[in-house]
Each structure stands twice: as C-alpha cells, then as structure tokens.
Amino acid sequence: MIPVEKYGDMLYRLSLSMLRNKQDAEDSVQDTFMRYLYKKPKFNDEEHEKAWLLRVCINVCKNKLRARKRHEYVSMEDLGVYDFTYKDFSIFDAVSKLPEKYKAVILLYYVEEYKVDEIAKILNISSSAVKKRLQRAREMLKVYEENI
C-alpha cells in the first residue's frame, strides 16, 4: 500500500516550507511518491519508512532549489507586476505560437540566456542548426509583427 494518506500532508508541509511555492511543493510530493513506487523499498518498521520518505522529499526539494538558482524564471503570476505594453504581450503571444523547435531555441537563447553552443548540447543538435532555427524563428516573428 502506498502511504499517501498517511504521509502526504506531512511531506506537503515540508515541501511548502522549503520551496515556498504551492505548485513546486505539490510536484515534489508527487516526485517523492513516484520514487517510492519505482524503488519499492523494504522497511523494518513505520519509522524507517517515514524517515526514508522525508529524506527523499528533502532531496527532491533541494534539487528544485538548485534548479531555480541555475535557471531563474518569472512565473506567469509575476508578469502582472510589470508594466507591459500591448506590443510586449503580442510578442509573447507570437513566441508561444511558434513551432516547438523554434520556440525552444528562442526561449533558451533570449529568456534563459544560453549561448548557441550550450543550446546545441541541450537539444542534441549542431550549433549551425541552432543558428538556423534562431534565424527562422526571428523571420517568423518579424512576419507576425508586420501583420499586427
């Protein structure tokens, strides 16, 4: 039996206190139980099981915090804080409508500020392919901007 009912609230409170974000806390609890299902550990008693779940949950939260530091992002809720013009929203809308392979390179290059070589490694493509996708994405965005 999966101990979700028994330990779910405790793990959620722990995650929420570490991450200070409801969605990330929910994700970390889910990841913890997924690891529980995947590993299928054998425990001596309930305390051992509880300690294992707590340790895994803490590690998952630490990984999320490390990822946040490496890749800072602005949540959609925080976008309302900034004074965007209609043009800013239309650019955001245009990027969201790009085909996935072009959207990925645009976001990695301009938002996450990766270099071309780093994007190539992340996407498992050549540097020249990244440059070409950036060029084509910019052309698509230019066409979209002209139609506004």
C-alpha atoms as a PDB file:
ATOM      1  CA  MET A   1       0.000   0.000   0.000  1.00  0.00           C
ATOM      2  CA  ILE A   2       1.258   3.470  -0.904  1.00  0.00           C
ATOM      3  CA  PRO A   3       1.394   5.671   2.221  1.00  0.00           C
ATOM      4  CA  VAL A   4      -0.084   8.766   0.543  1.00  0.00           C
ATOM      5  CA  GLU A   5      -2.896   9.194   3.071  1.00  0.00           C
ATOM      6  CA  LYS A   6      -0.525   8.609   5.966  1.00  0.00           C
ATOM      7  CA  TYR A   7       2.391  10.867   4.985  1.00  0.00           C
ATOM      8  CA  GLY A   8       1.115  13.072   2.138  1.00  0.00           C
ATOM      9  CA  ASP A   9       0.173  16.087   4.279  1.00  0.00           C
ATOM     10  CA  MET A  10       3.420  15.954   6.242  1.00  0.00           C
ATOM     11  CA  LEU A  11       5.508  15.808   3.043  1.00  0.00           C
ATOM     12  CA  TYR A  12       3.473  18.640   1.518  1.00  0.00           C
ATOM     13  CA  ARG A  13       4.038  20.880   4.549  1.00  0.00           C
ATOM     14  CA  LEU A  14       7.759  20.099   4.458  1.00  0.00           C
ATOM     15  CA  SER A  15       7.957  20.851   0.735  1.00  0.00           C
ATOM     16  CA  LEU A  16       5.954  24.043   1.061  1.00  0.00           C
ATOM     17  CA  SER A  17       8.178  25.301   3.861  1.00  0.00           C
ATOM     18  CA  MET A  18      11.301  24.610   1.799  1.00  0.00           C
ATOM     19  CA  LEU A  19      10.107  25.757  -1.619  1.00  0.00           C
ATOM     20  CA  ARG A  20       7.580  28.480  -0.706  1.00  0.00           C
ATOM     21  CA  ASN A  21       5.599  27.689  -3.835  1.00  0.00           C
ATOM     22  CA  LYS A  22       2.397  25.643  -3.885  1.00  0.00           C
ATOM     23  CA  GLN A  23       2.911  24.106  -7.329  1.00  0.00           C
ATOM     24  CA  ASP A  24       6.525  23.132  -6.708  1.00  0.00           C
ATOM     25  CA  ALA A  25       5.562  21.662  -3.329  1.00  0.00           C
ATOM     26  CA  GLU A  26       2.852  19.543  -4.952  1.00  0.00           C
ATOM     27  CA  ASP A  27       5.325  18.413  -7.616  1.00  0.00           C
ATOM     28  CA  SER A  28       7.941  17.456  -5.050  1.00  0.00           C
ATOM     29  CA  VAL A  29       5.461  15.335  -3.069  1.00  0.00           C
ATOM     30  CA  GLN A  30       4.394  13.631  -6.275  1.00  0.00           C
ATOM     31  CA  ASP A  31       8.047  13.030  -7.230  1.00  0.00           C
ATOM     32  CA  THR A  32       8.710  11.569  -3.782  1.00  0.00           C
ATOM     33  CA  PHE A  33       5.877   9.056  -4.115  1.00  0.00           C
ATOM     34  CA  MET A  34       6.918   8.236  -7.682  1.00  0.00           C
ATOM     35  CA  ARG A  35      10.369   7.338  -6.373  1.00  0.00           C
ATOM     36  CA  TYR A  36       8.708   5.250  -3.682  1.00  0.00           C
ATOM     37  CA  LEU A  37       6.810   3.324  -6.363  1.00  0.00           C
ATOM     38  CA  TYR A  38       9.848   2.976  -8.582  1.00  0.00           C
ATOM     39  CA  LYS A  39      12.306   1.840  -5.886  1.00  0.00           C
ATOM     40  CA  LYS A  40       9.850  -0.330  -3.913  1.00  0.00           C
ATOM     41  CA  PRO A  41      11.986  -0.166  -0.766  1.00  0.00           C
ATOM     42  CA  LYS A  42      11.598  -2.659   2.074  1.00  0.00           C
ATOM     43  CA  PHE A  43      11.381  -1.155   5.552  1.00  0.00           C
ATOM     44  CA  ASN A  44      11.948  -2.583   9.029  1.00  0.00           C
ATOM     45  CA  ASP A  45       9.153  -0.500  10.551  1.00  0.00           C
ATOM     46  CA  GLU A  46       6.978   2.574  10.027  1.00  0.00           C
ATOM     47  CA  GLU A  47       9.623   4.945  11.399  1.00  0.00           C
ATOM     48  CA  HIS A  48      12.127   3.709   8.812  1.00  0.00           C
ATOM     49  CA  GLU A  49       9.550   4.244   6.047  1.00  0.00           C
ATOM     50  CA  LYS A  50       8.754   7.755   7.332  1.00  0.00           C
ATOM     51  CA  ALA A  51      12.450   8.655   7.565  1.00  0.00           C
ATOM     52  CA  TRP A  52      13.052   7.389   4.011  1.00  0.00           C
ATOM     53  CA  LEU A  53      10.158   9.443   2.618  1.00  0.00           C
ATOM     54  CA  LEU A  54      11.290  12.558   4.475  1.00  0.00           C
ATOM     55  CA  ARG A  55      14.867  12.190   3.232  1.00  0.00           C
ATOM     56  CA  VAL A  56      13.750  11.663  -0.373  1.00  0.00           C
ATOM     57  CA  CYS A  57      11.360  14.632  -0.180  1.00  0.00           C
ATOM     58  CA  ILE A  58      14.121  16.867   1.199  1.00  0.00           C
ATOM     59  CA  ASN A  59      16.452  15.780  -1.606  1.00  0.00           C
ATOM     60  CA  VAL A  60      13.784  16.458  -4.238  1.00  0.00           C
ATOM     61  CA  CYS A  61      13.209  19.935  -2.784  1.00  0.00           C
ATOM     62  CA  LYS A  62      16.943  20.655  -2.722  1.00  0.00           C
ATOM     63  CA  ASN A  63      17.179  19.638  -6.388  1.00  0.00           C
ATOM     64  CA  LYS A  64      14.338  22.028  -7.251  1.00  0.00           C
ATOM     65  CA  LEU A  65      16.035  24.845  -5.352  1.00  0.00           C
ATOM     66  CA  ARG A  66      19.322  24.189  -7.167  1.00  0.00           C
ATOM     67  CA  ALA A  67      17.497  24.219 -10.498  1.00  0.00           C
ATOM     68  CA  ARG A  68      15.902  27.564  -9.602  1.00  0.00           C
ATOM     69  CA  LYS A  69      19.317  29.080  -8.941  1.00  0.00           C
ATOM     70  CA  ARG A  70      20.711  27.829 -12.234  1.00  0.00           C
ATOM     71  CA  HIS A  71      17.686  28.799 -14.297  1.00  0.00           C
ATOM     72  CA  GLU A  72      15.918  31.790 -12.832  1.00  0.00           C
ATOM     73  CA  TYR A  73      12.473  32.336 -14.272  1.00  0.00           C
ATOM     74  CA  VAL A  74       9.499  34.610 -13.906  1.00  0.00           C
ATOM     75  CA  SER A  75       6.221  32.897 -13.184  1.00  0.00           C
ATOM     76  CA  MET A  76       3.124  33.822 -15.158  1.00  0.00           C
ATOM     77  CA  GLU A  77       1.597  35.358 -11.995  1.00  0.00           C
ATOM     78  CA  ASP A  78       4.588  37.683 -11.634  1.00  0.00           C
ATOM     79  CA  LEU A  79       4.157  39.012 -15.171  1.00  0.00           C
ATOM     80  CA  GLY A  80       1.259  41.144 -13.949  1.00  0.00           C
ATOM     81  CA  VAL A  81       3.672  43.124 -11.764  1.00  0.00           C
ATOM     82  CA  TYR A  82       5.466  44.608 -14.746  1.00  0.00           C
ATOM     83  CA  ASP A  83       4.074  47.363 -16.946  1.00  0.00           C
ATOM     84  CA  PHE A  84       3.853  45.621 -20.310  1.00  0.00           C
ATOM     85  CA  THR A  85       2.627  47.360 -23.391  1.00  0.00           C
ATOM     86  CA  TYR A  86       0.325  45.754 -25.914  1.00  0.00           C
ATOM     87  CA  LYS A  87       3.356  45.147 -28.141  1.00  0.00           C
ATOM     88  CA  ASP A  88       5.118  43.196 -25.365  1.00  0.00           C
ATOM     89  CA  PHE A  89       2.103  40.914 -24.992  1.00  0.00           C
ATOM     90  CA  SER A  90       1.834  40.446 -28.734  1.00  0.00           C
ATOM     91  CA  ILE A  91       5.495  39.376 -28.901  1.00  0.00           C
ATOM     92  CA  PHE A  92       4.901  36.922 -26.055  1.00  0.00           C
ATOM     93  CA  ASP A  93       1.841  35.653 -27.906  1.00  0.00           C
ATOM     94  CA  ALA A  94       3.804  35.325 -31.157  1.00  0.00           C
ATOM     95  CA  VAL A  95       6.589  33.327 -29.481  1.00  0.00           C
ATOM     96  CA  SER A  96       4.044  30.997 -27.896  1.00  0.00           C
ATOM     97  CA  LYS A  97       2.602  30.268 -31.371  1.00  0.00           C
ATOM     98  CA  LEU A  98       5.947  29.270 -32.917  1.00  0.00           C
ATOM     99  CA  PRO A  99       6.527  25.606 -33.751  1.00  0.00           C
ATOM    100  CA  GLU A 100       8.119  23.813 -30.803  1.00  0.00           C
ATOM    101  CA  LYS A 101      11.614  23.520 -32.271  1.00  0.00           C
ATOM    102  CA  TYR A 102      11.790  27.277 -32.918  1.00  0.00           C
ATOM    103  CA  LYS A 103      10.129  28.256 -29.652  1.00  0.00           C
ATOM    104  CA  ALA A 104      12.677  26.191 -27.706  1.00  0.00           C
ATOM    105  CA  VAL A 105      15.723  27.915 -29.203  1.00  0.00           C
ATOM    106  CA  ILE A 106      14.169  31.396 -28.833  1.00  0.00           C
ATOM    107  CA  LEU A 107      13.339  30.818 -25.173  1.00  0.00           C
ATOM    108  CA  LEU A 108      16.691  29.224 -24.371  1.00  0.00           C
ATOM    109  CA  TYR A 109      18.601  31.993 -26.153  1.00  0.00           C
ATOM    110  CA  TYR A 110      16.676  35.122 -25.149  1.00  0.00           C
ATOM    111  CA  VAL A 111      14.943  34.177 -21.899  1.00  0.00           C
ATOM    112  CA  GLU A 112      17.329  31.672 -20.314  1.00  0.00           C
ATOM    113  CA  GLU A 113      20.342  33.422 -21.913  1.00  0.00           C
ATOM    114  CA  TYR A 114      22.161  30.279 -23.015  1.00  0.00           C
ATOM    115  CA  LYS A 115      24.860  30.525 -25.663  1.00  0.00           C
ATOM    116  CA  VAL A 116      24.428  28.824 -29.039  1.00  0.00           C
ATOM    117  CA  ASP A 117      26.842  26.008 -28.153  1.00  0.00           C
ATOM    118  CA  GLU A 118      25.034  25.355 -24.869  1.00  0.00           C
ATOM    119  CA  ILE A 119      21.674  25.202 -26.635  1.00  0.00           C
ATOM    120  CA  ALA A 120      23.143  22.754 -29.141  1.00  0.00           C
ATOM    121  CA  LYS A 121      24.182  20.440 -26.298  1.00  0.00           C
ATOM    122  CA  ILE A 122      20.823  20.736 -24.544  1.00  0.00           C
ATOM    123  CA  LEU A 123      18.835  19.968 -27.697  1.00  0.00           C
ATOM    124  CA  ASN A 124      21.309  17.443 -29.123  1.00  0.00           C
ATOM    125  CA  ILE A 125      21.689  19.331 -32.399  1.00  0.00           C
ATOM    126  CA  SER A 126      24.591  21.109 -34.072  1.00  0.00           C
ATOM    127  CA  SER A 127      25.475  24.748 -33.405  1.00  0.00           C
ATOM    128  CA  SER A 128      24.690  25.593 -37.013  1.00  0.00           C
ATOM    129  CA  ALA A 129      21.216  24.061 -36.594  1.00  0.00           C
ATOM    130  CA  VAL A 130      20.647  26.277 -33.555  1.00  0.00           C
ATOM    131  CA  LYS A 131      21.721  29.359 -35.514  1.00  0.00           C
ATOM    132  CA  LYS A 132      19.448  28.424 -38.412  1.00  0.00           C
ATOM    133  CA  ARG A 133      16.483  27.841 -36.100  1.00  0.00           C
ATOM    134  CA  LEU A 134      17.097  31.203 -34.438  1.00  0.00           C
ATOM    135  CA  GLN A 135      17.202  32.862 -37.849  1.00  0.00           C
ATOM    136  CA  ARG A 136      13.970  31.201 -38.992  1.00  0.00           C
ATOM    137  CA  ALA A 137      12.229  31.956 -35.703  1.00  0.00           C
ATOM    138  CA  ARG A 138      13.198  35.621 -35.966  1.00  0.00           C
ATOM    139  CA  GLU A 139      11.833  35.693 -39.524  1.00  0.00           C
ATOM    140  CA  MET A 140       8.552  34.143 -38.361  1.00  0.00           C
ATOM    141  CA  LEU A 141       8.296  36.668 -35.551  1.00  0.00           C
ATOM    142  CA  LYS A 142       9.007  39.519 -37.963  1.00  0.00           C
ATOM    143  CA  VAL A 143       6.182  38.350 -40.257  1.00  0.00           C
ATOM    144  CA  TYR A 144       3.870  38.069 -37.277  1.00  0.00           C
ATOM    145  CA  GLU A 145       4.807  41.605 -36.113  1.00  0.00           C
ATOM    146  CA  GLU A 146       4.149  43.039 -39.585  1.00  0.00           C
ATOM    147  CA  ASN A 147       0.655  41.523 -39.570  1.00  0.00           C
ATOM    148  CA  ILE A 148      -0.286  43.234 -36.306  1.00  0.00           C
END
